[in-house]
C-alpha atoms as a PDB file:
ATOM      1  CA  MET A   1      -5.089  24.355  -2.890  1.00  0.00           C
ATOM      2  CA  TYR A   2      -1.655  24.554  -1.199  1.00  0.00           C
ATOM      3  CA  CYS A   3       0.987  22.600  -3.289  1.00  0.00           C
ATOM      4  CA  ASP A   4       4.671  22.579  -2.495  1.00  0.00           C
ATOM      5  CA  THR A   5       7.615  20.156  -3.042  1.00  0.00           C
ATOM      6  CA  ILE A   6       9.603  19.874   0.285  1.00  0.00           C
ATOM      7  CA  ALA A   7      13.283  18.561   0.561  1.00  0.00           C
ATOM      8  CA  LEU A   8      13.663  15.896   3.209  1.00  0.00           C
ATOM      9  CA  LYS A   9      16.897  14.320   4.301  1.00  0.00           C
ATOM     10  CA  ASN A  10      17.381  11.721   1.412  1.00  0.00           C
ATOM     11  CA  CYS A  11      14.312  12.678  -0.911  1.00  0.00           C
ATOM     12  CA  SER A  12      11.598  14.894  -1.432  1.00  0.00           C
ATOM     13  CA  MET A  13       7.853  15.035  -1.093  1.00  0.00           C
ATOM     14  CA  THR A  14       5.297  17.107  -3.151  1.00  0.00           C
ATOM     15  CA  VAL A  15       2.109  18.026  -0.741  1.00  0.00           C
ATOM     16  CA  TYR A  16      -1.428  18.591  -1.859  1.00  0.00           C
ATOM     17  CA  ILE A  17      -3.398  20.486   0.788  1.00  0.00           C
ATOM     18  CA  PRO A  18      -7.006  21.237   0.047  1.00  0.00           C
ATOM     19  CA  ASP A  19      -8.347  24.854   0.889  1.00  0.00           C
ATOM     20  CA  LEU A  20     -10.341  24.800   3.871  1.00  0.00           C
ATOM     21  CA  VAL A  21     -13.929  24.885   3.156  1.00  0.00           C
ATOM     22  CA  ALA A  22     -15.502  24.017   6.539  1.00  0.00           C
ATOM     23  CA  ASP A  23     -14.612  24.122  10.274  1.00  0.00           C
ATOM     24  CA  PRO A  24     -10.661  25.090  10.298  1.00  0.00           C
ATOM     25  CA  ALA A  25     -10.603  23.071  13.594  1.00  0.00           C
ATOM     26  CA  VAL A  26     -11.474  19.910  11.637  1.00  0.00           C
ATOM     27  CA  ARG A  27      -8.431  17.673  11.022  1.00  0.00           C
ATOM     28  CA  ARG A  28      -7.990  15.578   7.742  1.00  0.00           C
ATOM     29  CA  PRO A  29      -6.719  12.404   6.955  1.00  0.00           C
ATOM     30  CA  THR A  30      -3.467  12.229   4.799  1.00  0.00           C
ATOM     31  CA  ILE A  31      -2.625   9.828   1.967  1.00  0.00           C
ATOM     32  CA  VAL A  32       0.928   9.221   1.318  1.00  0.00           C
ATOM     33  CA  ILE A  33       1.526   8.100  -2.147  1.00  0.00           C
ATOM     34  CA  ALA A  34       4.327   5.975  -3.198  1.00  0.00           C
ATOM     35  CA  PRO A  35       4.416   5.444  -7.062  1.00  0.00           C
ATOM     36  CA  GLY A  36       5.686   2.316  -8.644  1.00  0.00           C
ATOM     37  CA  GLY A  37       8.547   1.835 -11.114  1.00  0.00           C
ATOM     38  CA  GLY A  38      10.057  -1.597  -9.969  1.00  0.00           C
ATOM     39  CA  TYR A  39      12.628   0.264  -7.685  1.00  0.00           C
ATOM     40  CA  THR A  40      14.289   1.743 -10.940  1.00  0.00           C
ATOM     41  CA  HIS A  41      12.165   4.963 -11.277  1.00  0.00           C
ATOM     42  CA  LEU A  42       8.907   6.518 -10.162  1.00  0.00           C
ATOM     43  CA  SER A  43       5.911   6.495 -12.287  1.00  0.00           C
ATOM     44  CA  THR A  44       4.083   9.779 -12.942  1.00  0.00           C
ATOM     45  CA  ARG A  45       0.976   8.009 -13.640  1.00  0.00           C
ATOM     46  CA  GLU A  46       0.714   6.766 -10.128  1.00  0.00           C
ATOM     47  CA  SER A  47       1.832  10.310  -8.546  1.00  0.00           C
ATOM     48  CA  GLU A  48      -0.026  13.536  -9.130  1.00  0.00           C
ATOM     49  CA  PRO A  49      -3.286  12.055 -10.646  1.00  0.00           C
ATOM     50  CA  ILE A  50      -3.629   9.825  -7.398  1.00  0.00           C
ATOM     51  CA  ALA A  51      -2.837  12.753  -5.324  1.00  0.00           C
ATOM     52  CA  LEU A  52      -5.478  15.037  -6.875  1.00  0.00           C
ATOM     53  CA  THR A  53      -8.146  12.291  -6.781  1.00  0.00           C
ATOM     54  CA  PHE A  54      -7.733  11.970  -2.907  1.00  0.00           C
ATOM     55  CA  ALA A  55      -7.527  15.713  -2.507  1.00  0.00           C
ATOM     56  CA  ALA A  56     -10.900  15.986  -4.283  1.00  0.00           C
ATOM     57  CA  MET A  57     -12.231  13.626  -1.597  1.00  0.00           C
ATOM     58  CA  GLY A  58     -11.218  16.242   1.191  1.00  0.00           C
ATOM     59  CA  MET A  59      -7.938  14.594   2.052  1.00  0.00           C
ATOM     60  CA  ASN A  60      -4.321  15.754   2.284  1.00  0.00           C
ATOM     61  CA  ALA A  61      -2.330  13.907  -0.314  1.00  0.00           C
ATOM     62  CA  ILE A  62       1.438  13.742  -0.593  1.00  0.00           C
ATOM     63  CA  VAL A  63       3.766  12.157  -3.137  1.00  0.00           C
ATOM     64  CA  VAL A  64       6.944  10.771  -1.948  1.00  0.00           C
ATOM     65  CA  ARG A  65       9.889  10.583  -4.420  1.00  0.00           C
ATOM     66  CA  TYR A  66      11.854   7.657  -2.564  1.00  0.00           C
ATOM     67  CA  ARG A  67      15.069   6.564  -3.709  1.00  0.00           C
ATOM     68  CA  VAL A  68      15.481   3.778  -6.100  1.00  0.00           C
ATOM     69  CA  ALA A  69      18.366   1.716  -7.521  1.00  0.00           C
ATOM     70  CA  PRO A  70      21.256   2.036  -7.124  1.00  0.00           C
ATOM     71  CA  ALA A  71      20.002   2.860  -3.784  1.00  0.00           C
ATOM     72  CA  VAL A  72      19.094  -0.470  -1.996  1.00  0.00           C
ATOM     73  CA  PHE A  73      17.018  -1.482   1.179  1.00  0.00           C
ATOM     74  CA  PRO A  74      16.385  -0.007   3.664  1.00  0.00           C
ATOM     75  CA  ALA A  75      16.451   3.413   1.740  1.00  0.00           C
ATOM     76  CA  PRO A  76      13.010   3.338   0.285  1.00  0.00           C
ATOM     77  CA  MET A  77      11.370   2.312   3.354  1.00  0.00           C
ATOM     78  CA  GLN A  78      13.307   5.189   5.274  1.00  0.00           C
ATOM     79  CA  ASP A  79      12.225   7.692   2.787  1.00  0.00           C
ATOM     80  CA  ILE A  80       8.696   7.030   3.335  1.00  0.00           C
ATOM     81  CA  ALA A  81       9.106   6.996   7.100  1.00  0.00           C
ATOM     82  CA  SER A  82      10.448  10.420   6.889  1.00  0.00           C
ATOM     83  CA  ALA A  83       7.802  11.585   4.920  1.00  0.00           C
ATOM     84  CA  VAL A  84       5.162  10.127   7.660  1.00  0.00           C
ATOM     85  CA  ALA A  85       6.974  11.890  10.420  1.00  0.00           C
ATOM     86  CA  ALA A  86       7.040  15.161   8.381  1.00  0.00           C
ATOM     87  CA  ILE A  87       3.272  15.060   8.318  1.00  0.00           C
ATOM     88  CA  ARG A  88       3.140  14.650  12.063  1.00  0.00           C
ATOM     89  CA  GLN A  89       5.733  17.461  12.434  1.00  0.00           C
ATOM     90  CA  ASN A  90       3.435  19.706  10.080  1.00  0.00           C
ATOM     91  CA  ALA A  91       0.021  18.638  11.517  1.00  0.00           C
ATOM     92  CA  ASP A  92      -1.010  21.797  12.786  1.00  0.00           C
ATOM     93  CA  ASN A  93      -0.038  23.927   9.602  1.00  0.00           C
ATOM     94  CA  TRP A  94      -1.759  21.190   7.118  1.00  0.00           C
ATOM     95  CA  HIS A  95      -4.713  20.629   9.421  1.00  0.00           C
ATOM     96  CA  ALA A  96      -3.913  16.993   9.320  1.00  0.00           C
ATOM     97  CA  ASP A  97      -4.853  14.316  11.870  1.00  0.00           C
ATOM     98  CA  PRO A  98      -1.375  12.828  12.967  1.00  0.00           C
ATOM     99  CA  ASN A  99      -3.469   9.609  13.784  1.00  0.00           C
ATOM    100  CA  GLN A 100      -4.874   9.340  10.307  1.00  0.00           C
ATOM    101  CA  ILE A 101      -1.955   8.790   7.957  1.00  0.00           C
ATOM    102  CA  ALA A 102      -2.521   6.060   5.249  1.00  0.00           C
ATOM    103  CA  LEU A 103       0.183   4.924   2.778  1.00  0.00           C
ATOM    104  CA  CYS A 104      -0.981   4.308  -0.820  1.00  0.00           C
ATOM    105  CA  GLY A 105       1.659   2.312  -2.942  1.00  0.00           C
ATOM    106  CA  PHE A 106       1.565   0.934  -6.402  1.00  0.00           C
ATOM    107  CA  SER A 107       3.418  -2.058  -7.590  1.00  0.00           C
ATOM    108  CA  ALA A 108       7.029  -1.801  -6.207  1.00  0.00           C
ATOM    109  CA  GLY A 109       5.794   1.456  -4.080  1.00  0.00           C
ATOM    110  CA  ALA A 110       3.345  -0.836  -2.466  1.00  0.00           C
ATOM    111  CA  HIS A 111       5.987  -2.982  -1.474  1.00  0.00           C
ATOM    112  CA  ALA A 112       8.051  -0.033  -0.261  1.00  0.00           C
ATOM    113  CA  VAL A 113       4.930   1.246   1.951  1.00  0.00           C
ATOM    114  CA  GLY A 114       4.339  -2.564   3.169  1.00  0.00           C
ATOM    115  CA  LEU A 115       7.815  -2.694   4.211  1.00  0.00           C
ATOM    116  CA  LEU A 116       7.274   0.352   6.383  1.00  0.00           C
ATOM    117  CA  GLY A 117       3.885  -1.280   7.455  1.00  0.00           C
ATOM    118  CA  VAL A 118       5.696  -4.486   8.944  1.00  0.00           C
ATOM    119  CA  HIS A 119       8.858  -2.909  10.131  1.00  0.00           C
ATOM    120  CA  TRP A 120       7.639   0.543  11.909  1.00  0.00           C
ATOM    121  CA  GLN A 121       7.798  -0.781  15.494  1.00  0.00           C
ATOM    122  CA  GLU A 122      11.316  -1.819  14.871  1.00  0.00           C
ATOM    123  CA  ALA A 123      13.282   1.261  16.396  1.00  0.00           C
ATOM    124  CA  HIS A 124      16.810   0.633  14.865  1.00  0.00           C
ATOM    125  CA  TRP A 125      15.599   1.434  11.537  1.00  0.00           C
ATOM    126  CA  TRP A 126      14.831   5.056  12.404  1.00  0.00           C
ATOM    127  CA  GLN A 127      17.823   5.852  14.604  1.00  0.00           C
ATOM    128  CA  GLU A 128      20.067   7.229  11.910  1.00  0.00           C
ATOM    129  CA  LEU A 129      16.988   9.512  10.929  1.00  0.00           C
ATOM    130  CA  HIS A 130      16.640  10.564  14.523  1.00  0.00           C
ATOM    131  CA  LEU A 131      13.075   9.417  14.524  1.00  0.00           C
ATOM    132  CA  THR A 132      11.046   7.036  16.815  1.00  0.00           C
ATOM    133  CA  SER A 133       8.729   4.213  15.872  1.00  0.00           C
ATOM    134  CA  ALA A 134       5.933   6.534  16.758  1.00  0.00           C
ATOM    135  CA  ASP A 135       7.039   9.133  14.467  1.00  0.00           C
ATOM    136  CA  VAL A 136       6.832   7.011  11.539  1.00  0.00           C
ATOM    137  CA  ARG A 137       3.863   4.533  12.292  1.00  0.00           C
ATOM    138  CA  PRO A 138       1.368   4.310   9.444  1.00  0.00           C
ATOM    139  CA  ASN A 139      -2.169   4.025  10.579  1.00  0.00           C
ATOM    140  CA  ALA A 140      -3.533   2.187   7.310  1.00  0.00           C
ATOM    141  CA  LEU A 141      -2.064   0.790   4.052  1.00  0.00           C
ATOM    142  CA  ILE A 142      -3.655   0.748   0.650  1.00  0.00           C
ATOM    143  CA  LEU A 143      -1.637  -1.624  -1.554  1.00  0.00           C
ATOM    144  CA  SER A 144      -2.346  -1.465  -5.358  1.00  0.00           C
ATOM    145  CA  TYR A 145      -1.479  -4.414  -7.542  1.00  0.00           C
ATOM    146  CA  PRO A 146       1.412  -4.904  -4.987  1.00  0.00           C
ATOM    147  CA  VAL A 147       4.873  -6.519  -5.086  1.00  0.00           C
ATOM    148  CA  ILE A 148       4.624  -8.746  -2.098  1.00  0.00           C
ATOM    149  CA  THR A 149       6.160 -12.102  -2.399  1.00  0.00           C
ATOM    150  CA  ALA A 150      10.024 -13.101  -3.004  1.00  0.00           C
ATOM    151  CA  GLY A 151       8.760 -16.692  -3.637  1.00  0.00           C
ATOM    152  CA  GLU A 152       7.037 -18.538  -6.587  1.00  0.00           C
ATOM    153  CA  PHE A 153       5.077 -15.384  -7.759  1.00  0.00           C
ATOM    154  CA  ALA A 154       7.757 -12.855  -7.248  1.00  0.00           C
ATOM    155  CA  HIS A 155       8.398  -9.865  -9.635  1.00  0.00           C
ATOM    156  CA  ARG A 156      12.177 -10.732  -9.667  1.00  0.00           C
ATOM    157  CA  GLY A 157      13.196  -7.199 -11.103  1.00  0.00           C
ATOM    158  CA  SER A 158      11.739  -5.323  -8.194  1.00  0.00           C
ATOM    159  CA  PHE A 159      13.703  -7.647  -5.614  1.00  0.00           C
ATOM    160  CA  ARG A 160      16.901  -7.394  -7.777  1.00  0.00           C
ATOM    161  CA  SER A 161      16.669  -3.701  -7.671  1.00  0.00           C
ATOM    162  CA  LEU A 162      15.752  -3.402  -3.930  1.00  0.00           C
ATOM    163  CA  THR A 163      18.630  -5.556  -2.947  1.00  0.00           C
ATOM    164  CA  GLY A 164      21.249  -5.023  -5.456  1.00  0.00           C
ATOM    165  CA  THR A 165      21.514  -8.807  -6.304  1.00  0.00           C
ATOM    166  CA  ASP A 166      20.085 -11.604  -8.315  1.00  0.00           C
ATOM    167  CA  ASP A 167      20.612 -13.970  -5.365  1.00  0.00           C
ATOM    168  CA  ILE A 168      17.093 -15.242  -4.494  1.00  0.00           C
ATOM    169  CA  VAL A 169      18.103 -16.052  -0.969  1.00  0.00           C
ATOM    170  CA  ALA A 170      18.953 -12.259  -0.387  1.00  0.00           C
ATOM    171  CA  HIS A 171      15.324 -11.579  -1.569  1.00  0.00           C
ATOM    172  CA  GLN A 172      13.586 -13.666   1.038  1.00  0.00           C
ATOM    173  CA  PRO A 173      14.016 -11.194   4.022  1.00  0.00           C
ATOM    174  CA  HIS A 174      11.956  -8.920   2.176  1.00  0.00           C
ATOM    175  CA  SER A 175       8.907 -11.210   1.288  1.00  0.00           C
ATOM    176  CA  LEU A 176       6.103  -9.248   2.880  1.00  0.00           C
ATOM    177  CA  GLU A 177       3.634 -12.179   3.545  1.00  0.00           C
ATOM    178  CA  ASN A 178       6.155 -13.734   5.956  1.00  0.00           C
ATOM    179  CA  LEU A 179       6.654 -10.330   7.861  1.00  0.00           C
ATOM    180  CA  VAL A 180       3.139  -9.506   8.786  1.00  0.00           C
ATOM    181  CA  THR A 181       2.180  -9.223  12.567  1.00  0.00           C
ATOM    182  CA  PRO A 182      -0.675  -8.115  14.654  1.00  0.00           C
ATOM    183  CA  ASP A 183       1.135  -4.746  14.606  1.00  0.00           C
ATOM    184  CA  THR A 184       0.693  -4.446  10.834  1.00  0.00           C
ATOM    185  CA  PRO A 185      -1.920  -1.580   9.961  1.00  0.00           C
ATOM    186  CA  PRO A 186      -5.315  -2.308   8.495  1.00  0.00           C
ATOM    187  CA  THR A 187      -4.980  -2.818   4.978  1.00  0.00           C
ATOM    188  CA  PHE A 188      -6.851  -2.310   1.796  1.00  0.00           C
ATOM    189  CA  LEU A 189      -5.694  -4.302  -1.141  1.00  0.00           C
ATOM    190  CA  TRP A 190      -6.641  -4.533  -4.801  1.00  0.00           C
ATOM    191  CA  HIS A 191      -5.246  -6.149  -7.960  1.00  0.00           C
ATOM    192  CA  THR A 192      -6.678  -7.521 -11.290  1.00  0.00           C
ATOM    193  CA  TRP A 193      -7.005 -11.173 -12.200  1.00  0.00           C
ATOM    194  CA  THR A 194      -5.237 -10.989 -15.374  1.00  0.00           C
ATOM    195  CA  ASP A 195      -2.001  -8.871 -14.088  1.00  0.00           C
ATOM    196  CA  GLY A 196       0.750 -10.363 -16.326  1.00  0.00           C
ATOM    197  CA  ALA A 197       3.518  -8.645 -14.513  1.00  0.00           C
ATOM    198  CA  VAL A 198       2.938  -9.011 -10.863  1.00  0.00           C
ATOM    199  CA  PRO A 199       0.643 -12.011 -10.405  1.00  0.00           C
ATOM    200  CA  VAL A 200      -2.508 -11.610  -8.474  1.00  0.00           C
ATOM    201  CA  GLU A 201      -1.231 -14.326  -6.152  1.00  0.00           C
ATOM    202  CA  ASN A 202       0.764 -11.490  -4.461  1.00  0.00           C
ATOM    203  CA  THR A 203      -2.276  -9.917  -3.260  1.00  0.00           C
ATOM    204  CA  LEU A 204      -3.891 -13.234  -2.252  1.00  0.00           C
ATOM    205  CA  LEU A 205      -0.881 -14.221  -0.059  1.00  0.00           C
ATOM    206  CA  MET A 206      -0.878 -10.940   1.596  1.00  0.00           C
ATOM    207  CA  ALA A 207      -4.623 -11.067   2.432  1.00  0.00           C
ATOM    208  CA  MET A 208      -4.129 -14.544   3.917  1.00  0.00           C
ATOM    209  CA  ALA A 209      -1.189 -13.516   5.975  1.00  0.00           C
ATOM    210  CA  LEU A 210      -3.170 -10.407   7.185  1.00  0.00           C
ATOM    211  CA  HIS A 211      -6.088 -12.810   8.082  1.00  0.00           C
ATOM    212  CA  LYS A 212      -3.978 -15.148  10.041  1.00  0.00           C
ATOM    213  CA  ALA A 213      -2.412 -12.207  12.075  1.00  0.00           C
ATOM    214  CA  GLY A 214      -5.923 -10.801  12.818  1.00  0.00           C
ATOM    215  CA  VAL A 215      -5.221  -7.641  10.896  1.00  0.00           C
ATOM    216  CA  PRO A 216      -8.422  -5.851   9.447  1.00  0.00           C
ATOM    217  CA  ALA A 217      -8.334  -5.881   5.632  1.00  0.00           C
ATOM    218  CA  GLU A 218     -10.636  -5.403   2.537  1.00  0.00           C
ATOM    219  CA  VAL A 219      -9.756  -7.091  -0.686  1.00  0.00           C
ATOM    220  CA  HIS A 220     -10.805  -6.514  -4.279  1.00  0.00           C
ATOM    221  CA  VAL A 221      -9.764  -8.464  -7.386  1.00  0.00           C
ATOM    222  CA  PHE A 222     -11.078  -7.175 -10.691  1.00  0.00           C
ATOM    223  CA  PRO A 223     -11.649  -9.646 -13.482  1.00  0.00           C
ATOM    224  CA  ARG A 224      -9.596  -7.878 -16.082  1.00  0.00           C
ATOM    225  CA  GLY A 225      -6.785  -5.377 -16.629  1.00  0.00           C
ATOM    226  CA  GLY A 226      -2.972  -5.487 -16.978  1.00  0.00           C
ATOM    227  CA  HIS A 227      -0.402  -4.438 -14.686  1.00  0.00           C
ATOM    228  CA  GLY A 228      -0.225  -0.475 -13.928  1.00  0.00           C
ATOM    229  CA  VAL A 229      -3.952   0.246 -14.082  1.00  0.00           C
ATOM    230  CA  ALA A 230      -3.547   3.520 -11.770  1.00  0.00           C
ATOM    231  CA  LEU A 231      -6.852   5.128 -11.761  1.00  0.00           C
ATOM    232  CA  GLY A 232      -8.338   3.122 -14.592  1.00  0.00           C
ATOM    233  CA  ASN A 233      -9.675   6.022 -16.740  1.00  0.00           C
ATOM    234  CA  GLN A 234      -8.343   8.296 -19.433  1.00  0.00           C
ATOM    235  CA  VAL A 235      -6.552  10.474 -17.038  1.00  0.00           C
ATOM    236  CA  THR A 236      -3.816   7.781 -16.355  1.00  0.00           C
ATOM    237  CA  ASN A 237      -3.973   5.825 -19.735  1.00  0.00           C
ATOM    238  CA  ILE A 238      -0.954   5.512 -21.879  1.00  0.00           C
ATOM    239  CA  PRO A 239      -1.943   6.879 -25.433  1.00  0.00           C
ATOM    240  CA  SER A 240       0.683   4.786 -27.099  1.00  0.00           C
ATOM    241  CA  GLU A 241      -0.870   1.718 -25.720  1.00  0.00           C
ATOM    242  CA  GLU A 242      -4.340   2.677 -26.926  1.00  0.00           C
ATOM    243  CA  THR A 243      -6.867   1.813 -24.232  1.00  0.00           C
ATOM    244  CA  ARG A 244      -4.739  -0.901 -22.351  1.00  0.00           C
ATOM    245  CA  LYS A 245      -4.744   1.044 -19.070  1.00  0.00           C
ATOM    246  CA  ILE A 246      -8.518   1.960 -19.144  1.00  0.00           C
ATOM    247  CA  VAL A 247     -10.284  -0.615 -16.966  1.00  0.00           C
ATOM    248  CA  PRO A 248     -13.859   0.755 -16.270  1.00  0.00           C
ATOM    249  CA  GLU A 249     -14.700  -1.528 -13.512  1.00  0.00           C
ATOM    250  CA  ALA A 250     -11.498  -0.955 -11.460  1.00  0.00           C
ATOM    251  CA  THR A 251     -12.195   2.894 -11.481  1.00  0.00           C
ATOM    252  CA  VAL A 252     -14.030   2.343  -8.165  1.00  0.00           C
ATOM    253  CA  TRP A 253     -10.884   1.522  -6.176  1.00  0.00           C
ATOM    254  CA  THR A 254     -10.355   4.878  -4.926  1.00  0.00           C
ATOM    255  CA  GLU A 255     -13.802   5.378  -3.607  1.00  0.00           C
ATOM    256  CA  MET A 256     -13.541   1.901  -1.982  1.00  0.00           C
ATOM    257  CA  ALA A 257     -10.355   2.596  -0.279  1.00  0.00           C
ATOM    258  CA  ALA A 258     -11.415   6.099   0.836  1.00  0.00           C
ATOM    259  CA  ARG A 259     -14.228   4.401   2.589  1.00  0.00           C
ATOM    260  CA  PHE A 260     -12.235   1.702   4.179  1.00  0.00           C
ATOM    261  CA  ILE A 261      -9.623   3.990   5.508  1.00  0.00           C
ATOM    262  CA  ARG A 262     -12.404   6.380   7.021  1.00  0.00           C
ATOM    263  CA  GLN A 263     -14.095   3.520   8.638  1.00  0.00           C
ATOM    264  CA  ILE A 264     -10.797   2.655  10.067  1.00  0.00           C
ATOM    265  CA  PHE A 265      -9.927   5.868  11.371  1.00  0.00           C
ATOM    266  CA  MET A 266     -13.412   6.290  13.034  1.00  0.00           C
ATOM    267  CA  LYS A 267     -12.250   3.382  15.238  1.00  0.00           C
ATOM    268  CA  LEU A 268      -8.869   4.819  16.374  1.00  0.00           C
END
């Protein structure tokens, strides 16, 4: 496996490229991973373990270390956009299919990739990066226990860090369920029913918005598990919290997500 950390304009990304084991002409999907952390830090549990899991499925995987507070919107979204563009620029070297790029975000990281998912076609966001909407367009989204809404069920801390203010009015323009359009990429969502930090209503609101806009989606809500499940197994468990992050029924989400995006990519 080729592994390297690459500096971008305002952030960095670590690439995990599996060794070729079949036809070198075959192009692979790429999963762009945005760890959670409430826009204050980036979770290591939602970084390399996720990348290695998708790489083991024969996909390229990239972890983006996007800017967090005190940086504010649009910095996280623009950093992820820069990573998407870099994949397309290096598609030949990395045997990547430039039309098979899926963004996989966790918690606040899911909000960050969701921002790109709803704003990619708005060219003014990318001008300072010298990129076009075509450069930064994601082909699919995977939203893991996502921060979505700035409304009743908001994770206020994430919106505070994203905007630099406690003003709830300033949070509203970033409420993803109100920004979905038919141009939003096909989306896989998953959550746990008992998430006490980011309520499951976030996923349900996004699912309804996608359905209303006619965007293909797949949604899974597992019956138990707190926030930050990650892989749901021992690999991403937190020893100091005993087995709180081990949720056996949720461990299937990576296989479900991989199947969803492969089905979507077959139709492109």
